[in-house]
């Protein structure tokens, strides 16, 4: 007898009802979304498009499933690293590991600040701002 194609995910969900289950409908918008009540019931795993993760990874996992970039770190990998594997559920997935810290990859954006040369005061401004007397405008990069 052949196992159900989602057998590993169904067993993982049965073993841990806290798992979050995501699905997508390629016929509609093609976006992934969390199944409501997935913490209380085992969903009907019909079709192809399902993915599960631990609840602490829900936000980053959903962002990644929908095409966003994420990063991870662990005790063995103490600095955040980019994560770019194929979308495939497995008990070895970082989304199933409680000791992994996962975050949405920060983006860098340019901002402009005005600095009072004498006092060192700093305030936000725009690229096209005309500085007040004694201020200099500087371009900086910030993570968002």
Protein backbone atom coordinates (compact mmCIF):
# COMPACT_ATOMS: atom_id res chain seq x y z
CA UNK A 1 0.00 0.00 0.00
CA UNK A 2 1.36 3.42 -0.96
CA UNK A 3 1.46 6.12 1.71
CA UNK A 4 -0.57 9.30 1.23
CA UNK A 5 1.58 12.02 -0.37
CA UNK A 6 1.12 14.17 2.75
CA UNK A 7 1.63 11.28 5.21
CA UNK A 8 4.58 12.91 6.99
CA UNK A 9 2.68 16.18 7.41
CA UNK A 10 -0.49 14.44 8.60
CA UNK A 11 1.48 12.45 11.19
CA UNK A 12 3.38 15.54 12.34
CA UNK A 13 0.08 17.41 12.76
CA UNK A 14 -1.46 14.49 14.66
CA UNK A 15 1.60 14.36 16.93
CA UNK A 16 1.60 18.13 17.53
CA UNK A 17 -1.75 19.91 17.18
CA UNK A 18 0.03 23.27 17.66
CA UNK A 19 1.53 23.07 14.16
CA UNK A 20 0.31 25.74 11.77
CA UNK A 21 -0.90 24.44 8.42
CA UNK A 22 -0.72 26.58 5.29
CA UNK A 23 -2.43 25.98 1.97
CA UNK A 24 -2.78 27.73 -1.36
CA UNK A 25 -5.22 27.53 -4.20
CA UNK A 26 -3.41 27.89 -7.53
CA UNK A 27 -6.75 28.52 -9.27
CA UNK A 28 -7.37 31.71 -7.26
CA UNK A 29 -4.65 34.18 -6.29
CA UNK A 30 -1.91 31.57 -5.76
CA UNK A 31 -1.00 33.02 -2.34
CA UNK A 32 -0.32 30.88 0.71
CA UNK A 33 -2.47 31.42 3.80
CA UNK A 34 -2.85 29.79 7.22
CA UNK A 35 -5.80 27.44 7.64
CA UNK A 36 -8.19 28.65 10.32
CA UNK A 37 -8.56 26.35 13.33
CA UNK A 38 -5.47 24.40 12.29
CA UNK A 39 -4.44 24.32 15.95
CA UNK A 40 -7.61 22.44 16.91
CA UNK A 41 -8.30 20.09 14.03
CA UNK A 42 -6.44 18.09 11.43
CA UNK A 43 -7.33 19.66 8.09
CA UNK A 44 -8.36 17.65 5.08
CA UNK A 45 -5.11 17.24 3.14
CA UNK A 46 -6.65 16.98 -0.32
CA UNK A 47 -4.74 18.38 -3.26
CA UNK A 48 -1.08 19.29 -3.55
CA UNK A 49 -0.42 22.57 -1.81
CA UNK A 50 0.17 22.24 1.93
CA UNK A 51 3.00 23.23 4.26
CA UNK A 52 3.32 23.09 8.06
CA UNK A 53 5.50 24.83 10.61
CA UNK A 54 5.89 25.40 14.33
CA UNK A 55 3.77 28.30 15.64
CA UNK A 56 6.80 30.47 16.50
CA UNK A 57 7.84 30.42 12.82
CA UNK A 58 4.39 31.20 11.39
CA UNK A 59 4.99 34.80 10.27
CA UNK A 60 8.38 34.18 8.65
CA UNK A 61 7.21 30.91 7.07
CA UNK A 62 4.15 32.52 5.47
CA UNK A 63 6.28 35.42 4.22
CA UNK A 64 8.78 32.93 2.71
CA UNK A 65 6.08 30.74 1.14
CA UNK A 66 4.75 33.82 -0.65
CA UNK A 67 8.17 34.62 -2.12
CA UNK A 68 9.83 36.70 0.61
CA UNK A 69 13.43 36.33 1.75
CA UNK A 70 14.16 35.02 5.25
CA UNK A 71 17.21 34.33 7.38
CA UNK A 72 17.95 31.82 10.13
CA UNK A 73 20.46 31.19 12.90
CA UNK A 74 21.05 28.53 15.55
CA UNK A 75 23.57 27.74 18.21
CA UNK A 76 25.75 26.11 15.54
CA UNK A 77 25.22 28.97 13.06
CA UNK A 78 25.34 32.06 15.34
CA UNK A 79 25.05 34.69 12.57
CA UNK A 80 21.91 35.09 10.44
CA UNK A 81 22.22 33.28 7.09
CA UNK A 82 19.99 33.57 4.01
CA UNK A 83 17.61 30.64 3.55
CA UNK A 84 16.86 29.52 -0.03
CA UNK A 85 15.86 25.84 -0.33
CA UNK A 86 13.05 24.36 -2.38
CA UNK A 87 9.59 24.46 -0.83
CA UNK A 88 9.27 21.00 0.62
CA UNK A 89 7.84 19.97 3.97
CA UNK A 90 9.96 17.69 6.11
CA UNK A 91 10.55 17.05 9.78
CA UNK A 92 14.10 18.29 9.19
CA UNK A 93 12.89 21.63 7.80
CA UNK A 94 14.07 24.69 9.72
CA UNK A 95 10.40 25.56 10.22
CA UNK A 96 10.01 22.38 12.29
CA UNK A 97 13.04 23.09 14.51
CA UNK A 98 12.35 24.89 17.81
CA UNK A 99 16.01 25.88 18.26
CA UNK A 100 16.14 27.84 14.99
CA UNK A 101 15.60 31.59 15.09
CA UNK A 102 14.00 32.71 11.84
CA UNK A 103 13.37 36.27 10.71
CA UNK A 104 12.23 38.14 7.65
CA UNK A 105 15.38 39.36 5.90
CA UNK A 106 15.85 43.05 6.64
CA UNK A 107 15.96 45.39 3.67
CA UNK A 108 18.18 48.43 3.49
CA UNK A 109 16.70 51.76 2.46
CA UNK A 110 18.26 55.16 2.06
CA UNK A 111 17.28 57.95 4.42
CA UNK A 112 18.48 61.50 4.85
CA UNK A 113 19.32 63.23 8.10
CA UNK A 114 20.24 66.78 8.96
CA UNK A 115 23.08 67.20 11.47
CA UNK A 116 23.75 70.36 13.48
CA UNK A 117 27.52 70.65 13.06
CA UNK A 118 28.12 72.46 16.36
CA UNK A 119 25.72 70.67 18.74
CA UNK A 120 25.53 67.27 17.04
CA UNK A 121 21.71 67.31 16.96
CA UNK A 122 20.22 65.03 14.33
CA UNK A 123 16.81 65.16 12.68
CA UNK A 124 15.20 63.36 9.76
CA UNK A 125 14.74 65.22 6.48
CA UNK A 126 14.17 64.52 2.81
CA UNK A 127 16.67 64.28 -0.01
CA UNK A 128 15.60 67.66 -1.37
CA UNK A 129 15.53 69.51 1.96
CA UNK A 130 17.27 72.85 2.23
CA UNK A 131 19.35 72.67 5.39
CA UNK A 132 18.93 75.28 8.08
CA UNK A 133 22.03 77.37 8.84
CA UNK A 134 24.62 75.24 10.64
CA UNK A 135 23.13 71.90 9.44
CA UNK A 136 24.53 69.42 6.95
CA UNK A 137 22.43 66.84 5.12
CA UNK A 138 23.81 63.28 5.01
CA UNK A 139 22.52 60.15 3.28
CA UNK A 140 22.43 57.00 5.44
CA UNK A 141 21.21 53.41 4.98
CA UNK A 142 18.86 51.84 7.52
CA UNK A 143 17.46 48.33 7.86
CA UNK A 144 13.69 48.08 7.64
